Amino acid sequence: MALITVNLNDEALKVLEECAARKDISVSEFIRRAVLEKLEDEEDIRAANEAYAEYLKNPVTYSLEEIKAELGLNEIVHGEDIACCSQETEEDGLSSSGAYSKLA
């Protein structure tokens, strides 16, 4: 594991300490999570820009009904028959979308 040093003024350190304390984690862990989240966001932006550039080359779109028909989902998927399971992660307390299942 690598060790990185970051220089902060007193005000920035105080803000970091307060944010970390609210999440009941160390400043180091708070910074680690923030950096990883930023890297993930940058990768998402890159992928979105790439996908948009691809779309501009061939700007064809399909409706949800067309996609469901193409995939043979018209018989399986009906709006009110779907339940979404979500879960809360221990790390950040945020809900994330889980599996979808057909209700009986």
C-alpha atoms as a PDB file:
ATOM      1  CA  MET A   1       0.000   0.000   0.000  1.00  0.00           C
ATOM      2  CA  ALA A   2       1.277   3.468  -0.883  1.00  0.00           C
ATOM      3  CA  LEU A   3       1.458   6.428   1.470  1.00  0.00           C
ATOM      4  CA  ILE A   4       0.561   9.855   0.072  1.00  0.00           C
ATOM      5  CA  THR A   5       1.067  13.178   1.818  1.00  0.00           C
ATOM      6  CA  VAL A   6      -1.385  16.027   1.267  1.00  0.00           C
ATOM      7  CA  ASN A   7      -0.776  19.581   2.453  1.00  0.00           C
ATOM      8  CA  LEU A   8      -3.896  21.396   3.683  1.00  0.00           C
ATOM      9  CA  ASN A   9      -4.490  24.701   5.369  1.00  0.00           C
ATOM     10  CA  ASP A  10      -6.060  24.656   8.840  1.00  0.00           C
ATOM     11  CA  GLU A  11      -9.528  25.520   7.543  1.00  0.00           C
ATOM     12  CA  ALA A  12      -9.560  22.663   4.988  1.00  0.00           C
ATOM     13  CA  LEU A  13      -8.303  20.216   7.617  1.00  0.00           C
ATOM     14  CA  LYS A  14     -11.045  21.305  10.013  1.00  0.00           C
ATOM     15  CA  VAL A  15     -13.711  20.726   7.346  1.00  0.00           C
ATOM     16  CA  LEU A  16     -12.266  17.293   6.550  1.00  0.00           C
ATOM     17  CA  GLU A  17     -12.172  16.342  10.221  1.00  0.00           C
ATOM     18  CA  GLU A  18     -15.798  17.421  10.687  1.00  0.00           C
ATOM     19  CA  CYS A  19     -16.957  15.487   7.610  1.00  0.00           C
ATOM     20  CA  ALA A  20     -15.066  12.371   8.677  1.00  0.00           C
ATOM     21  CA  ALA A  21     -16.441  12.629  12.223  1.00  0.00           C
ATOM     22  CA  ARG A  22     -20.021  12.809  10.890  1.00  0.00           C
ATOM     23  CA  LYS A  23     -19.400   9.498   9.105  1.00  0.00           C
ATOM     24  CA  ASP A  24     -17.530   8.105  12.110  1.00  0.00           C
ATOM     25  CA  ILE A  25     -14.420   7.366  10.027  1.00  0.00           C
ATOM     26  CA  SER A  26     -10.839   8.634  10.023  1.00  0.00           C
ATOM     27  CA  VAL A  27      -9.773  11.588   7.892  1.00  0.00           C
ATOM     28  CA  SER A  28      -7.561   9.211   5.941  1.00  0.00           C
ATOM     29  CA  GLU A  29     -10.505   6.894   5.199  1.00  0.00           C
ATOM     30  CA  PHE A  30     -12.681   9.871   4.269  1.00  0.00           C
ATOM     31  CA  ILE A  31     -10.059  11.087   1.784  1.00  0.00           C
ATOM     32  CA  ARG A  32      -9.540   7.565   0.407  1.00  0.00           C
ATOM     33  CA  ARG A  33     -13.270   7.162  -0.248  1.00  0.00           C
ATOM     34  CA  ALA A  34     -13.556  10.633  -1.772  1.00  0.00           C
ATOM     35  CA  VAL A  35     -10.663   9.992  -4.154  1.00  0.00           C
ATOM     36  CA  LEU A  36     -12.034   6.601  -5.217  1.00  0.00           C
ATOM     37  CA  GLU A  37     -15.487   8.124  -5.754  1.00  0.00           C
ATOM     38  CA  LYS A  38     -13.952  10.909  -7.853  1.00  0.00           C
ATOM     39  CA  LEU A  39     -12.036   8.370  -9.954  1.00  0.00           C
ATOM     40  CA  GLU A  40     -15.242   6.393 -10.509  1.00  0.00           C
ATOM     41  CA  ASP A  41     -17.086   9.572 -11.500  1.00  0.00           C
ATOM     42  CA  GLU A  42     -14.319  10.447 -13.979  1.00  0.00           C
ATOM     43  CA  GLU A  43     -14.557   6.965 -15.507  1.00  0.00           C
ATOM     44  CA  ASP A  44     -18.356   7.323 -15.772  1.00  0.00           C
ATOM     45  CA  ILE A  45     -17.930  10.688 -17.522  1.00  0.00           C
ATOM     46  CA  ARG A  46     -15.393   9.192 -19.938  1.00  0.00           C
ATOM     47  CA  ALA A  47     -17.729   6.275 -20.735  1.00  0.00           C
ATOM     48  CA  ALA A  48     -20.699   8.626 -21.200  1.00  0.00           C
ATOM     49  CA  ASN A  49     -18.730  10.870 -23.543  1.00  0.00           C
ATOM     50  CA  GLU A  50     -17.598   7.835 -25.517  1.00  0.00           C
ATOM     51  CA  ALA A  51     -21.159   6.511 -25.748  1.00  0.00           C
ATOM     52  CA  TYR A  52     -22.451   9.931 -26.826  1.00  0.00           C
ATOM     53  CA  ALA A  53     -19.785  10.195 -29.534  1.00  0.00           C
ATOM     54  CA  GLU A  54     -20.853   6.732 -30.766  1.00  0.00           C
ATOM     55  CA  TYR A  55     -24.498   7.854 -30.744  1.00  0.00           C
ATOM     56  CA  LEU A  56     -23.643  10.955 -32.796  1.00  0.00           C
ATOM     57  CA  LYS A  57     -22.159   8.684 -35.481  1.00  0.00           C
ATOM     58  CA  ASN A  58     -25.481   6.826 -35.767  1.00  0.00           C
ATOM     59  CA  PRO A  59     -28.270   8.700 -33.914  1.00  0.00           C
ATOM     60  CA  VAL A  60     -30.862   5.940 -33.999  1.00  0.00           C
ATOM     61  CA  THR A  61     -33.027   5.492 -30.929  1.00  0.00           C
ATOM     62  CA  TYR A  62     -35.533   2.854 -29.869  1.00  0.00           C
ATOM     63  CA  SER A  63     -38.573   3.118 -27.636  1.00  0.00           C
ATOM     64  CA  LEU A  64     -38.917   0.958 -24.531  1.00  0.00           C
ATOM     65  CA  GLU A  65     -41.697  -0.969 -26.282  1.00  0.00           C
ATOM     66  CA  GLU A  66     -39.415  -1.692 -29.261  1.00  0.00           C
ATOM     67  CA  ILE A  67     -36.630  -2.932 -26.976  1.00  0.00           C
ATOM     68  CA  LYS A  68     -38.998  -5.135 -24.969  1.00  0.00           C
ATOM     69  CA  ALA A  69     -40.374  -6.640 -28.187  1.00  0.00           C
ATOM     70  CA  GLU A  70     -36.863  -7.218 -29.578  1.00  0.00           C
ATOM     71  CA  LEU A  71     -35.813  -9.001 -26.378  1.00  0.00           C
ATOM     72  CA  GLY A  72     -39.072 -10.931 -26.055  1.00  0.00           C
ATOM     73  CA  LEU A  73     -39.938  -9.244 -22.760  1.00  0.00           C
ATOM     74  CA  ASN A  74     -43.480  -8.130 -23.569  1.00  0.00           C
ATOM     75  CA  GLU A  75     -44.927 -11.297 -22.070  1.00  0.00           C
ATOM     76  CA  ILE A  76     -42.666 -11.217 -19.009  1.00  0.00           C
ATOM     77  CA  VAL A  77     -42.417  -7.584 -17.911  1.00  0.00           C
ATOM     78  CA  HIS A  78     -45.430  -5.530 -16.887  1.00  0.00           C
ATOM     79  CA  GLY A  79     -44.939  -2.325 -14.891  1.00  0.00           C
ATOM     80  CA  GLU A  80     -47.009  -3.211 -11.829  1.00  0.00           C
ATOM     81  CA  ASP A  81     -45.686  -6.783 -11.741  1.00  0.00           C
ATOM     82  CA  ILE A  82     -42.112  -5.722 -10.973  1.00  0.00           C
ATOM     83  CA  ALA A  83     -40.568  -5.381  -7.526  1.00  0.00           C
ATOM     84  CA  CYS A  84     -37.180  -3.830  -6.973  1.00  0.00           C
ATOM     85  CA  CYS A  85     -34.970  -4.937  -4.149  1.00  0.00           C
ATOM     86  CA  SER A  86     -32.587  -2.362  -2.737  1.00  0.00           C
ATOM     87  CA  GLN A  87     -29.883  -2.695  -0.184  1.00  0.00           C
ATOM     88  CA  GLU A  88     -28.056  -0.297   2.061  1.00  0.00           C
ATOM     89  CA  THR A  89     -24.304  -0.548   2.215  1.00  0.00           C
ATOM     90  CA  GLU A  90     -22.547  -0.363   5.561  1.00  0.00           C
ATOM     91  CA  GLU A  91     -19.879   1.972   4.210  1.00  0.00           C
ATOM     92  CA  ASP A  92     -21.993   4.934   3.195  1.00  0.00           C
ATOM     93  CA  GLY A  93     -25.573   4.237   4.254  1.00  0.00           C
ATOM     94  CA  LEU A  94     -26.786   4.780   0.680  1.00  0.00           C
ATOM     95  CA  SER A  95     -29.292   2.540  -1.001  1.00  0.00           C
ATOM     96  CA  SER A  96     -28.296   0.862  -4.212  1.00  0.00           C
ATOM     97  CA  SER A  97     -30.585  -0.777  -6.695  1.00  0.00           C
ATOM     98  CA  GLY A  98     -30.603  -4.528  -6.497  1.00  0.00           C
ATOM     99  CA  ALA A  99     -32.318  -7.270  -8.433  1.00  0.00           C
ATOM    100  CA  TYR A 100     -35.719  -6.984 -10.012  1.00  0.00           C
ATOM    101  CA  SER A 101     -38.164  -9.830  -9.707  1.00  0.00           C
ATOM    102  CA  LYS A 102     -41.610 -10.608 -11.052  1.00  0.00           C
ATOM    103  CA  LEU A 103     -44.274 -10.603  -8.356  1.00  0.00           C
ATOM    104  CA  ALA A 104     -46.529 -13.625  -8.077  1.00  0.00           C
END
